[in-house]
Full PDB file with SEQRES, HELIX, SHEET, SSBOND, CRYST1, ORIGX, SCALE, CONECT and MASTER records, all heavy atoms in Angstrom:
SEQRES   1 A   40  SER GLY GLY GLY LEU VAL GLN ALA GLY ASP SER LEU ARG          
SEQRES   2 A   40  LEU SER CYS ALA ALA ALA GLY ARG THR TYR SER SER TYR          
SEQRES   3 A   40  ALA MET GLY TRP PHE ARG GLN ALA PRO GLY LYS GLU ARG          
SEQRES   4 A   40  GLU                                                          
HELIX    1 AA1 TYR A   23  SER A   25  5                                   3    
CRYST1    1.000    1.000    1.000  90.00  90.00  90.00 P 1           1          
ORIGX1      1.000000  0.000000  0.000000        0.00000                         
ORIGX2      0.000000  1.000000  0.000000        0.00000                         
ORIGX3      0.000000  0.000000  1.000000        0.00000                         
SCALE1      1.000000  0.000000  0.000000        0.00000                         
SCALE2      0.000000  1.000000  0.000000        0.00000                         
SCALE3      0.000000  0.000000  1.000000        0.00000                         
ATOM      1  N   SER A   1      -5.319   0.324  -4.124  1.00  0.00           N  
ATOM      2  CA  SER A   1      -6.528   1.124  -3.980  1.00  0.00           C  
ATOM      3  C   SER A   1      -6.804   1.321  -2.498  1.00  0.00           C  
ATOM      4  O   SER A   1      -6.197   0.658  -1.658  1.00  0.00           O  
ATOM      5  CB  SER A   1      -7.721   0.444  -4.654  1.00  0.00           C  
ATOM      6  OG  SER A   1      -7.977  -0.813  -4.059  1.00  0.00           O  
ATOM      7  N   GLY A   2      -7.725   2.250  -2.199  1.00  0.00           N  
ATOM      8  CA  GLY A   2      -8.149   2.444  -0.823  1.00  0.00           C  
ATOM      9  C   GLY A   2      -7.603   3.679  -0.146  1.00  0.00           C  
ATOM     10  O   GLY A   2      -7.972   3.973   0.996  1.00  0.00           O  
ATOM     11  N   GLY A   3      -6.734   4.410  -0.827  1.00  0.00           N  
ATOM     12  CA  GLY A   3      -6.208   5.621  -0.223  1.00  0.00           C  
ATOM     13  C   GLY A   3      -7.259   6.713  -0.163  1.00  0.00           C  
ATOM     14  O   GLY A   3      -8.349   6.597  -0.722  1.00  0.00           O  
ATOM     15  N   GLY A   4      -6.919   7.807   0.525  1.00  0.00           N  
ATOM     16  CA  GLY A   4      -7.854   8.917   0.613  1.00  0.00           C  
ATOM     17  C   GLY A   4      -7.416   9.931   1.633  1.00  0.00           C  
ATOM     18  O   GLY A   4      -6.301   9.869   2.162  1.00  0.00           O  
ATOM     19  N   LEU A   5      -8.300  10.877   1.900  1.00  0.00           N  
ATOM     20  CA  LEU A   5      -8.069  11.942   2.877  1.00  0.00           C  
ATOM     21  C   LEU A   5      -8.868  11.627   4.139  1.00  0.00           C  
ATOM     22  O   LEU A   5     -10.083  11.461   4.075  1.00  0.00           O  
ATOM     23  CB  LEU A   5      -8.499  13.284   2.300  1.00  0.00           C  
ATOM     24  CG  LEU A   5      -8.500  14.486   3.258  1.00  0.00           C  
ATOM     25  CD1 LEU A   5      -7.089  14.760   3.760  1.00  0.00           C  
ATOM     26  CD2 LEU A   5      -9.088  15.708   2.570  1.00  0.00           C  
ATOM     27  N   VAL A   6      -8.168  11.517   5.258  1.00  0.00           N  
ATOM     28  CA  VAL A   6      -8.817  11.210   6.530  1.00  0.00           C  
ATOM     29  C   VAL A   6      -8.283  12.154   7.603  1.00  0.00           C  
ATOM     30  O   VAL A   6      -7.312  12.868   7.385  1.00  0.00           O  
ATOM     31  CB  VAL A   6      -8.583   9.744   6.951  1.00  0.00           C  
ATOM     32  CG1 VAL A   6      -9.187   8.784   5.936  1.00  0.00           C  
ATOM     33  CG2 VAL A   6      -7.098   9.473   7.144  1.00  0.00           C  
ATOM     34  N   GLN A   7      -8.941  12.110   8.753  1.00  0.00           N  
ATOM     35  CA  GLN A   7      -8.487  12.906   9.889  1.00  0.00           C  
ATOM     36  C   GLN A   7      -7.632  12.041  10.819  1.00  0.00           C  
ATOM     37  O   GLN A   7      -7.731  10.803  10.801  1.00  0.00           O  
ATOM     38  CB  GLN A   7      -9.674  13.473  10.646  1.00  0.00           C  
ATOM     39  CG  GLN A   7     -10.473  14.489   9.849  1.00  0.00           C  
ATOM     40  CD  GLN A   7     -11.574  15.144  10.679  1.00  0.00           C  
ATOM     41  OE1 GLN A   7     -12.082  14.543  11.622  1.00  0.00           O  
ATOM     42  NE2 GLN A   7     -11.916  16.375  10.330  1.00  0.00           N  
ATOM     43  N   ALA A   8      -6.824  12.696  11.616  1.00  0.00           N  
ATOM     44  CA  ALA A   8      -5.995  11.992  12.584  1.00  0.00           C  
ATOM     45  C   ALA A   8      -6.876  11.122  13.478  1.00  0.00           C  
ATOM     46  O   ALA A   8      -7.931  11.564  13.942  1.00  0.00           O  
ATOM     47  CB  ALA A   8      -5.198  12.978  13.423  1.00  0.00           C  
ATOM     48  N   GLY A   9      -6.441   9.885  13.683  1.00  0.00           N  
ATOM     49  CA  GLY A   9      -7.189   8.943  14.487  1.00  0.00           C  
ATOM     50  C   GLY A   9      -8.092   8.022  13.685  1.00  0.00           C  
ATOM     51  O   GLY A   9      -8.574   7.011  14.220  1.00  0.00           O  
ATOM     52  N   ASP A  10      -8.319   8.364  12.422  1.00  0.00           N  
ATOM     53  CA  ASP A  10      -9.174   7.535  11.565  1.00  0.00           C  
ATOM     54  C   ASP A  10      -8.425   6.292  11.076  1.00  0.00           C  
ATOM     55  O   ASP A  10      -7.217   6.139  11.301  1.00  0.00           O  
ATOM     56  CB  ASP A  10      -9.655   8.342  10.370  1.00  0.00           C  
ATOM     57  CG  ASP A  10     -10.738   9.339  10.739  1.00  0.00           C  
ATOM     58  OD1 ASP A  10     -11.249   9.274  11.883  1.00  0.00           O  
ATOM     59  OD2 ASP A  10     -11.066  10.198   9.894  1.00  0.00           O  
ATOM     60  N   SER A  11      -9.174   5.454  10.370  1.00  0.00           N  
ATOM     61  CA  SER A  11      -8.624   4.214   9.819  1.00  0.00           C  
ATOM     62  C   SER A  11      -8.836   4.163   8.310  1.00  0.00           C  
ATOM     63  O   SER A  11      -9.772   4.781   7.782  1.00  0.00           O  
ATOM     64  CB  SER A  11      -9.285   2.996  10.461  1.00  0.00           C  
ATOM     65  OG  SER A  11      -9.042   2.948  11.850  1.00  0.00           O  
ATOM     66  N   LEU A  12      -7.984   3.424   7.647  1.00  0.00           N  
ATOM     67  CA  LEU A  12      -8.107   3.133   6.221  1.00  0.00           C  
ATOM     68  C   LEU A  12      -7.628   1.708   5.991  1.00  0.00           C  
ATOM     69  O   LEU A  12      -6.769   1.215   6.735  1.00  0.00           O  
ATOM     70  CB  LEU A  12      -7.244   4.070   5.372  1.00  0.00           C  
ATOM     71  CG  LEU A  12      -7.760   5.448   4.986  1.00  0.00           C  
ATOM     72  CD1 LEU A  12      -6.669   6.198   4.223  1.00  0.00           C  
ATOM     73  CD2 LEU A  12      -9.030   5.370   4.176  1.00  0.00           C  
ATOM     74  N   ARG A  13      -8.163   1.072   4.950  1.00  0.00           N  
ATOM     75  CA  ARG A  13      -7.631  -0.219   4.540  1.00  0.00           C  
ATOM     76  C   ARG A  13      -7.218  -0.118   3.075  1.00  0.00           C  
ATOM     77  O   ARG A  13      -8.056   0.144   2.209  1.00  0.00           O  
ATOM     78  CB  ARG A  13      -8.623  -1.345   4.717  1.00  0.00           C  
ATOM     79  CG  ARG A  13      -7.968  -2.716   4.448  1.00  0.00           C  
ATOM     80  CD  ARG A  13      -8.886  -3.884   4.704  1.00  0.00           C  
ATOM     81  NE  ARG A  13      -9.815  -4.124   3.612  1.00  0.00           N  
ATOM     82  CZ  ARG A  13     -10.399  -5.292   3.371  1.00  0.00           C  
ATOM     83  NH1 ARG A  13     -10.157  -6.322   4.162  1.00  0.00           N  
ATOM     84  NH2 ARG A  13     -11.254  -5.423   2.377  1.00  0.00           N  
ATOM     85  N   LEU A  14      -5.937  -0.306   2.839  1.00  0.00           N  
ATOM     86  CA  LEU A  14      -5.426  -0.327   1.483  1.00  0.00           C  
ATOM     87  C   LEU A  14      -5.466  -1.753   0.942  1.00  0.00           C  
ATOM     88  O   LEU A  14      -5.282  -2.717   1.696  1.00  0.00           O  
ATOM     89  CB  LEU A  14      -3.986   0.183   1.436  1.00  0.00           C  
ATOM     90  CG  LEU A  14      -3.727   1.559   2.027  1.00  0.00           C  
ATOM     91  CD1 LEU A  14      -2.262   1.952   1.825  1.00  0.00           C  
ATOM     92  CD2 LEU A  14      -4.649   2.608   1.451  1.00  0.00           C  
ATOM     93  N   SER A  15      -5.722  -1.862  -0.342  1.00  0.00           N  
ATOM     94  CA  SER A  15      -5.709  -3.154  -1.012  1.00  0.00           C  
ATOM     95  C   SER A  15      -4.716  -3.109  -2.165  1.00  0.00           C  
ATOM     96  O   SER A  15      -4.501  -2.059  -2.769  1.00  0.00           O  
ATOM     97  CB  SER A  15      -7.098  -3.504  -1.552  1.00  0.00           C  
ATOM     98  OG  SER A  15      -8.047  -3.597  -0.514  1.00  0.00           O  
ATOM     99  N   CYS A  16      -4.142  -4.253  -2.463  1.00  0.00           N  
ATOM    100  CA  CYS A  16      -3.236  -4.383  -3.598  1.00  0.00           C  
ATOM    101  C   CYS A  16      -3.624  -5.653  -4.335  1.00  0.00           C  
ATOM    102  O   CYS A  16      -3.414  -6.761  -3.823  1.00  0.00           O  
ATOM    103  CB  CYS A  16      -1.793  -4.435  -3.135  1.00  0.00           C  
ATOM    104  SG  CYS A  16      -0.603  -4.779  -4.451  1.00  0.00           S  
ATOM    105  N   ALA A  17      -4.217  -5.478  -5.495  1.00  0.00           N  
ATOM    106  CA  ALA A  17      -4.648  -6.623  -6.300  1.00  0.00           C  
ATOM    107  C   ALA A  17      -3.547  -6.999  -7.275  1.00  0.00           C  
ATOM    108  O   ALA A  17      -2.982  -6.133  -7.948  1.00  0.00           O  
ATOM    109  CB  ALA A  17      -5.924  -6.274  -7.051  1.00  0.00           C  
ATOM    110  N   ALA A  18      -3.273  -8.274  -7.338  1.00  0.00           N  
ATOM    111  CA  ALA A  18      -2.204  -8.769  -8.198  1.00  0.00           C  
ATOM    112  C   ALA A  18      -2.764  -9.608  -9.332  1.00  0.00           C  
ATOM    113  O   ALA A  18      -3.731 -10.356  -9.148  1.00  0.00           O  
ATOM    114  CB  ALA A  18      -1.224  -9.617  -7.390  1.00  0.00           C  
ATOM    115  N   ALA A  19      -2.152  -9.467 -10.486  1.00  0.00           N  
ATOM    116  CA  ALA A  19      -2.503 -10.286 -11.641  1.00  0.00           C  
ATOM    117  C   ALA A  19      -1.227 -10.905 -12.172  1.00  0.00           C  
ATOM    118  O   ALA A  19      -0.205 -10.243 -12.258  1.00  0.00           O  
ATOM    119  CB  ALA A  19      -3.169  -9.441 -12.713  1.00  0.00           C  
ATOM    120  N   GLY A  20      -1.294 -12.182 -12.501  1.00  0.00           N  
ATOM    121  CA  GLY A  20      -0.115 -12.869 -12.999  1.00  0.00           C  
ATOM    122  C   GLY A  20      -0.049 -14.277 -12.452  1.00  0.00           C  
ATOM    123  O   GLY A  20      -0.808 -14.640 -11.557  1.00  0.00           O  
ATOM    124  N   ARG A  21       0.865 -15.042 -12.949  1.00  0.00           N  
ATOM    125  CA  ARG A  21       0.972 -16.428 -12.532  1.00  0.00           C  
ATOM    126  C   ARG A  21       1.554 -16.583 -11.138  1.00  0.00           C  
ATOM    127  O   ARG A  21       2.352 -15.787 -10.691  1.00  0.00           O  
ATOM    128  CB  ARG A  21       1.846 -17.188 -13.535  1.00  0.00           C  
ATOM    129  CG  ARG A  21       1.246 -17.332 -14.906  1.00  0.00           C  
ATOM    130  CD  ARG A  21       2.043 -18.343 -15.707  1.00  0.00           C  
ATOM    131  NE  ARG A  21       3.457 -18.024 -15.704  1.00  0.00           N  
ATOM    132  CZ  ARG A  21       4.409 -18.893 -16.036  1.00  0.00           C  
ATOM    133  NH1 ARG A  21       4.083 -20.130 -16.340  1.00  0.00           N  
ATOM    134  NH2 ARG A  21       5.676 -18.546 -16.045  1.00  0.00           N  
ATOM    135  N   THR A  22       1.152 -17.616 -10.473  1.00  0.00           N  
ATOM    136  CA  THR A  22       1.702 -18.047  -9.186  1.00  0.00           C  
ATOM    137  C   THR A  22       1.879 -16.904  -8.201  1.00  0.00           C  
ATOM    138  O   THR A  22       2.915 -16.749  -7.573  1.00  0.00           O  
ATOM    139  CB  THR A  22       3.054 -18.768  -9.363  1.00  0.00           C  
ATOM    140  OG1 THR A  22       4.008 -17.899  -9.959  1.00  0.00           O  
ATOM    141  CG2 THR A  22       2.866 -19.997 -10.188  1.00  0.00           C  
ATOM    142  N   TYR A  23       0.847 -16.077  -8.076  1.00  0.00           N  
ATOM    143  CA  TYR A  23       0.891 -14.975  -7.115  1.00  0.00           C  
ATOM    144  C   TYR A  23       1.226 -15.469  -5.732  1.00  0.00           C  
ATOM    145  O   TYR A  23       1.923 -14.812  -4.971  1.00  0.00           O  
ATOM    146  CB  TYR A  23      -0.451 -14.245  -7.115  1.00  0.00           C  
ATOM    147  CG  TYR A  23      -0.665 -13.395  -5.887  1.00  0.00           C  
ATOM    148  CD1 TYR A  23      -0.038 -12.170  -5.765  1.00  0.00           C  
ATOM    149  CD2 TYR A  23      -1.485 -13.816  -4.852  1.00  0.00           C  
ATOM    150  CE1 TYR A  23      -0.214 -11.385  -4.648  1.00  0.00           C  
ATOM    151  CE2 TYR A  23      -1.677 -13.045  -3.734  1.00  0.00           C  
ATOM    152  CZ  TYR A  23      -1.050 -11.829  -3.630  1.00  0.00           C  
ATOM    153  OH  TYR A  23      -1.235 -11.060  -2.530  1.00  0.00           O  
ATOM    154  N   SER A  24       0.751 -16.650  -5.383  1.00  0.00           N  
ATOM    155  CA  SER A  24       0.950 -17.141  -4.028  1.00  0.00           C  
ATOM    156  C   SER A  24       2.406 -17.436  -3.739  1.00  0.00           C  
ATOM    157  O   SER A  24       2.767 -17.663  -2.590  1.00  0.00           O  
ATOM    158  CB  SER A  24       0.093 -18.386  -3.781  1.00  0.00           C  
ATOM    159  OG  SER A  24       0.441 -19.409  -4.693  1.00  0.00           O  
ATOM    160  N   SER A  25       3.282 -17.422  -4.738  1.00  0.00           N  
ATOM    161  CA  SER A  25       4.703 -17.654  -4.516  1.00  0.00           C  
ATOM    162  C   SER A  25       5.487 -16.362  -4.354  1.00  0.00           C  
ATOM    163  O   SER A  25       6.702 -16.361  -4.406  1.00  0.00           O  
ATOM    164  CB  SER A  25       5.288 -18.458  -5.678  1.00  0.00           C  
ATOM    165  OG  SER A  25       4.693 -19.730  -5.748  1.00  0.00           O  
ATOM    166  N   TYR A  26       4.776 -15.260  -4.189  1.00  0.00           N  
ATOM    167  CA  TYR A  26       5.423 -13.964  -4.066  1.00  0.00           C  
ATOM    168  C   TYR A  26       5.290 -13.426  -2.651  1.00  0.00           C  
ATOM    169  O   TYR A  26       4.182 -13.317  -2.127  1.00  0.00           O  
ATOM    170  CB  TYR A  26       4.813 -12.964  -5.039  1.00  0.00           C  
ATOM    171  CG  TYR A  26       5.220 -13.203  -6.478  1.00  0.00           C  
ATOM    172  CD1 TYR A  26       4.585 -14.168  -7.252  1.00  0.00           C  
ATOM    173  CD2 TYR A  26       6.255 -12.467  -7.049  1.00  0.00           C  
ATOM    174  CE1 TYR A  26       4.971 -14.404  -8.554  1.00  0.00           C  
ATOM    175  CE2 TYR A  26       6.647 -12.704  -8.360  1.00  0.00           C  
ATOM    176  CZ  TYR A  26       6.006 -13.666  -9.102  1.00  0.00           C  
ATOM    177  OH  TYR A  26       6.397 -13.889 -10.392  1.00  0.00           O  
ATOM    178  N   ALA A  27       6.424 -13.082  -2.056  1.00  0.00           N  
ATOM    179  CA  ALA A  27       6.382 -12.307  -0.825  1.00  0.00           C  
ATOM    180  C   ALA A  27       5.979 -10.882  -1.180  1.00  0.00           C  
ATOM    181  O   ALA A  27       6.328 -10.382  -2.252  1.00  0.00           O  
ATOM    182  CB  ALA A  27       7.747 -12.321  -0.144  1.00  0.00           C  
ATOM    183  N   MET A  28       5.235 -10.243  -0.293  1.00  0.00           N  
ATOM    184  CA  MET A  28       4.686  -8.920  -0.578  1.00  0.00           C  
ATOM    185  C   MET A  28       5.129  -7.919   0.473  1.00  0.00           C  
ATOM    186  O   MET A  28       5.379  -8.268   1.630  1.00  0.00           O  
ATOM    187  CB  MET A  28       3.153  -8.985  -0.596  1.00  0.00           C  
ATOM    188  CG  MET A  28       2.567  -9.970  -1.590  1.00  0.00           C  
ATOM    189  SD  MET A  28       2.913  -9.534  -3.294  1.00  0.00           S  
ATOM    190  CE  MET A  28       1.982  -7.999  -3.452  1.00  0.00           C  
ATOM    191  N   GLY A  29       5.173  -6.670   0.044  1.00  0.00           N  
ATOM    192  CA  GLY A  29       5.540  -5.610   0.980  1.00  0.00           C  
ATOM    193  C   GLY A  29       4.779  -4.337   0.691  1.00  0.00           C  
ATOM    194  O   GLY A  29       4.278  -4.134  -0.416  1.00  0.00           O  
ATOM    195  N   TRP A  30       4.661  -3.508   1.703  1.00  0.00           N  
ATOM    196  CA  TRP A  30       4.122  -2.159   1.564  1.00  0.00           C  
ATOM    197  C   TRP A  30       5.229  -1.162   1.903  1.00  0.00           C  
ATOM    198  O   TRP A  30       5.942  -1.331   2.906  1.00  0.00           O  
ATOM    199  CB  TRP A  30       2.936  -1.928   2.490  1.00  0.00           C  
ATOM    200  CG  TRP A  30       1.655  -2.559   2.040  1.00  0.00           C  
ATOM    201  CD1 TRP A  30       1.132  -3.749   2.461  1.00  0.00           C  
ATOM    202  CD2 TRP A  30       0.725  -2.011   1.092  1.00  0.00           C  
ATOM    203  NE1 TRP A  30      -0.063  -3.995   1.828  1.00  0.00           N  
ATOM    204  CE2 TRP A  30      -0.346  -2.942   0.984  1.00  0.00           C  
ATOM    205  CE3 TRP A  30       0.668  -0.849   0.319  1.00  0.00           C  
ATOM    206  CZ2 TRP A  30      -1.437  -2.740   0.144  1.00  0.00           C  
ATOM    207  CZ3 TRP A  30      -0.408  -0.646  -0.514  1.00  0.00           C  
ATOM    208  CH2 TRP A  30      -1.452  -1.582  -0.596  1.00  0.00           C  
ATOM    209  N   PHE A  31       5.339  -0.142   1.078  1.00  0.00           N  
ATOM    210  CA  PHE A  31       6.284   0.934   1.292  1.00  0.00           C  
ATOM    211  C   PHE A  31       5.532   2.246   1.170  1.00  0.00           C  
ATOM    212  O   PHE A  31       4.405   2.292   0.670  1.00  0.00           O  
ATOM    213  CB  PHE A  31       7.399   0.876   0.245  1.00  0.00           C  
ATOM    214  CG  PHE A  31       8.294  -0.321   0.377  1.00  0.00           C  
ATOM    215  CD1 PHE A  31       7.883  -1.571  -0.062  1.00  0.00           C  
ATOM    216  CD2 PHE A  31       9.554  -0.203   0.940  1.00  0.00           C  
ATOM    217  CE1 PHE A  31       8.696  -2.684   0.070  1.00  0.00           C  
ATOM    218  CE2 PHE A  31      10.380  -1.303   1.075  1.00  0.00           C  
ATOM    219  CZ  PHE A  31       9.951  -2.544   0.640  1.00  0.00           C  
ATOM    220  N   ARG A  32       6.156   3.328   1.617  1.00  0.00           N  
ATOM    221  CA  ARG A  32       5.536   4.629   1.458  1.00  0.00           C  
ATOM    222  C   ARG A  32       6.606   5.679   1.172  1.00  0.00           C  
ATOM    223  O   ARG A  32       7.776   5.522   1.557  1.00  0.00           O  
ATOM    224  CB  ARG A  32       4.721   5.015   2.692  1.00  0.00           C  
ATOM    225  CG  ARG A  32       5.541   5.226   3.964  1.00  0.00           C  
ATOM    226  CD  ARG A  32       4.608   5.438   5.147  1.00  0.00           C  
ATOM    227  NE  ARG A  32       5.361   5.685   6.381  1.00  0.00           N  
ATOM    228  CZ  ARG A  32       4.799   5.787   7.582  1.00  0.00           C  
ATOM    229  NH1 ARG A  32       3.474   5.648   7.706  1.00  0.00           N  
ATOM    230  NH2 ARG A  32       5.539   6.014   8.644  1.00  0.00           N  
ATOM    231  N   GLN A  33       6.159   6.745   0.516  1.00  0.00           N  
ATOM    232  CA  GLN A  33       7.073   7.831   0.188  1.00  0.00           C  
ATOM    233  C   GLN A  33       6.364   9.156   0.393  1.00  0.00           C  
ATOM    234  O   GLN A  33       5.356   9.443  -0.267  1.00  0.00           O  
ATOM    235  CB  GLN A  33       7.562   7.714  -1.253  1.00  0.00           C  
ATOM    236  CG  GLN A  33       8.661   8.686  -1.606  1.00  0.00           C  
ATOM    237  CD  GLN A  33       9.357   8.331  -2.910  1.00  0.00           C  
ATOM    238  OE1 GLN A  33       8.858   7.554  -3.711  1.00  0.00           O  
ATOM    239  NE2 GLN A  33      10.539   8.877  -3.110  1.00  0.00           N  
ATOM    240  N   ALA A  34       6.891   9.936   1.322  1.00  0.00           N  
ATOM    241  CA  ALA A  34       6.366  11.268   1.596  1.00  0.00           C  
ATOM    242  C   ALA A  34       7.099  12.272   0.723  1.00  0.00           C  
ATOM    243  O   ALA A  34       8.219  12.013   0.271  1.00  0.00           O  
ATOM    244  CB  ALA A  34       6.542  11.599   3.072  1.00  0.00           C  
ATOM    245  N   PRO A  35       6.501  13.431   0.488  1.00  0.00           N  
ATOM    246  CA  PRO A  35       7.148  14.446  -0.357  1.00  0.00           C  
ATOM    247  C   PRO A  35       8.535  14.810   0.166  1.00  0.00           C  
ATOM    248  O   PRO A  35       8.707  15.075   1.357  1.00  0.00           O  
ATOM    249  CB  PRO A  35       6.187  15.631  -0.274  1.00  0.00           C  
ATOM    250  CG  PRO A  35       4.867  15.029   0.028  1.00  0.00           C  
ATOM    251  CD  PRO A  35       5.161  13.851   0.910  1.00  0.00           C  
ATOM    252  N   GLY A  36       9.506  14.778  -0.714  1.00  0.00           N  
ATOM    253  CA  GLY A  36      10.855  15.155  -0.352  1.00  0.00           C  
ATOM    254  C   GLY A  36      11.633  14.113   0.416  1.00  0.00           C  
ATOM    255  O   GLY A  36      12.764  14.375   0.857  1.00  0.00           O  
ATOM    256  N   LYS A  37      11.034  12.932   0.585  1.00  0.00           N  
ATOM    257  CA  LYS A  37      11.713  11.875   1.349  1.00  0.00           C  
ATOM    258  C   LYS A  37      11.886  10.632   0.493  1.00  0.00           C  
ATOM    259  O   LYS A  37      11.224  10.454  -0.527  1.00  0.00           O  
ATOM    260  CB  LYS A  37      10.914  11.533   2.604  1.00  0.00           C  
ATOM    261  CG  LYS A  37      10.834  12.669   3.619  1.00  0.00           C  
ATOM    262  CD  LYS A  37      10.181  12.207   4.907  1.00  0.00           C  
ATOM    263  CE  LYS A  37      10.170  13.316   5.941  1.00  0.00           C  
ATOM    264  NZ  LYS A  37       9.552  12.863   7.217  1.00  0.00           N  
ATOM    265  N   GLU A  38      12.792   9.767   0.934  1.00  0.00           N  
ATOM    266  CA  GLU A  38      12.998   8.520   0.232  1.00  0.00           C  
ATOM    267  C   GLU A  38      11.876   7.528   0.552  1.00  0.00           C  
ATOM    268  O   GLU A  38      11.210   7.637   1.580  1.00  0.00           O  
ATOM    269  CB  GLU A  38      14.349   7.918   0.636  1.00  0.00           C  
ATOM    270  CG  GLU A  38      15.558   8.715   0.164  1.00  0.00           C  
ATOM    271  CD  GLU A  38      16.855   7.981   0.405  1.00  0.00           C  
ATOM    272  OE1 GLU A  38      16.840   6.928   1.054  1.00  0.00           O  
ATOM    273  OE2 GLU A  38      17.898   8.479  -0.066  1.00  0.00           O  
ATOM    274  N   ARG A  39      11.700   6.588  -0.354  1.00  0.00           N  
ATOM    275  CA  ARG A  39      10.727   5.534  -0.117  1.00  0.00           C  
ATOM    276  C   ARG A  39      11.180   4.686   1.072  1.00  0.00           C  
ATOM    277  O   ARG A  39      12.342   4.289   1.145  1.00  0.00           O  
ATOM    278  CB  ARG A  39      10.569   4.665  -1.368  1.00  0.00           C  
ATOM    279  CG  ARG A  39       9.396   3.732  -1.334  1.00  0.00           C  
ATOM    280  CD  ARG A  39       9.149   3.110  -2.696  1.00  0.00           C  
ATOM    281  NE  ARG A  39       8.845   4.120  -3.708  1.00  0.00           N  
ATOM    282  CZ  ARG A  39       8.454   3.829  -4.948  1.00  0.00           C  
ATOM    283  NH1 ARG A  39       8.316   2.547  -5.308  1.00  0.00           N  
ATOM    284  NH2 ARG A  39       8.220   4.789  -5.811  1.00  0.00           N  
ATOM    285  N   GLU A  40      10.238   4.405   1.986  1.00  0.00           N  
ATOM    286  CA  GLU A  40      10.602   3.661   3.181  1.00  0.00           C  
ATOM    287  C   GLU A  40       9.715   2.438   3.364  1.00  0.00           C  
ATOM    288  O   GLU A  40       8.552   2.412   2.958  1.00  0.00           O  
ATOM    289  CB  GLU A  40      10.512   4.550   4.429  1.00  0.00           C  
ATOM    290  CG  GLU A  40       9.115   5.010   4.781  1.00  0.00           C  
ATOM    291  CD  GLU A  40       9.078   5.776   6.104  1.00  0.00           C  
ATOM    292  OE1 GLU A  40      10.121   5.951   6.756  1.00  0.00           O  
ATOM    293  OE2 GLU A  40       7.950   6.172   6.496  1.00  0.00           O  
TER     294      GLU A  40                                                      
MASTER        0    0    0    1    0    0    0    6  293    1    0    4          
END                                                                             
């Protein structure tokens, strides 16, 4: 959650809520995918 439309120079904070056992034993990552491009 936390995405949206902003102007250049602005800030956003994305959140990722997890449900399930032993969440603290999971390494986490953020990736992004722009139109026509691979996920990076």
